[in-house]
Amino acid sequence: MSSERKLHIKWVKSSIGYSQRQKDTVRALGLRRLGDTVEQVDNAAVRGMIDKVSHLVQVEEIEA
């Protein structure tokens, strides 16, 4: 088995006042409400989404 890197993503700032596109990106990451945390696989697509909403989320790298 390969050790796959994962990201621990926490929604820390409200998306009120931001574009619908950014709200949809937060939703696509699997976050449903403020304070939620999710684990996602570390890949280019997820990194791109995080880059677009980096002002709203907090990210930690973890070893799976």
Protein backbone atom coordinates (compact mmCIF):
# COMPACT_ATOMS: atom_id res chain seq x y z
CA MET A 1 0.00 0.00 0.00
CA SER A 2 1.19 3.50 -0.76
CA SER A 3 0.96 6.20 1.87
CA GLU A 4 -1.50 8.64 0.36
CA ARG A 5 -1.37 12.24 1.52
CA LYS A 6 -4.58 13.80 2.76
CA LEU A 7 -5.62 17.31 3.63
CA HIS A 8 -7.58 18.26 6.74
CA ILE A 9 -9.75 21.23 5.70
CA LYS A 10 -11.67 23.39 8.18
CA TRP A 11 -14.14 26.13 7.23
CA VAL A 12 -13.21 29.09 9.47
CA LYS A 13 -14.73 32.21 7.87
CA SER A 14 -18.25 32.84 6.62
CA SER A 15 -18.80 33.04 2.87
CA ILE A 16 -21.48 35.72 3.23
CA GLY A 17 -20.55 38.64 1.02
CA TYR A 18 -18.47 36.51 -1.34
CA SER A 19 -19.43 35.37 -4.82
CA GLN A 20 -21.73 32.41 -5.45
CA ARG A 21 -18.84 30.71 -7.20
CA GLN A 22 -16.76 30.78 -3.99
CA LYS A 23 -19.74 29.52 -1.97
CA ASP A 24 -20.11 26.65 -4.45
CA THR A 25 -16.40 25.85 -4.15
CA VAL A 26 -16.66 25.59 -0.35
CA ARG A 27 -19.65 23.31 -0.83
CA ALA A 28 -17.78 21.18 -3.40
CA LEU A 29 -14.99 20.62 -0.86
CA GLY A 30 -17.59 18.86 1.29
CA LEU A 31 -18.08 21.63 3.84
CA ARG A 32 -21.68 22.23 4.82
CA ARG A 33 -21.58 24.74 7.68
CA LEU A 34 -19.11 27.05 9.36
CA GLY A 35 -16.75 25.10 11.61
CA ASP A 36 -17.06 21.86 9.62
CA THR A 37 -13.95 19.82 8.92
CA VAL A 38 -13.35 17.29 6.15
CA GLU A 39 -10.50 15.15 4.90
CA GLN A 40 -9.79 15.21 1.19
CA VAL A 41 -7.15 13.47 -0.92
CA ASP A 42 -4.24 15.76 -1.75
CA ASN A 43 -4.42 16.22 -5.52
CA ALA A 44 -4.29 19.06 -8.02
CA ALA A 45 -8.07 19.52 -8.24
CA VAL A 46 -8.54 19.86 -4.49
CA ARG A 47 -5.47 22.11 -4.20
CA GLY A 48 -6.99 24.37 -6.89
CA MET A 49 -10.29 24.63 -5.03
CA ILE A 50 -8.47 25.41 -1.78
CA ASP A 51 -6.45 28.11 -3.54
CA LYS A 52 -9.67 29.84 -4.64
CA VAL A 53 -11.14 29.93 -1.11
CA SER A 54 -7.94 30.06 0.96
CA HIS A 55 -9.25 33.15 2.78
CA LEU A 56 -12.21 31.09 4.08
CA VAL A 57 -10.56 27.79 5.05
CA GLN A 58 -7.69 26.45 7.12
CA VAL A 59 -5.68 23.52 5.73
CA GLU A 60 -3.37 20.95 7.35
CA GLU A 61 -1.47 18.18 5.58
CA ILE A 62 -1.73 14.74 7.17
CA GLU A 63 -0.28 11.32 6.36
CA ALA A 64 -2.91 8.68 5.74
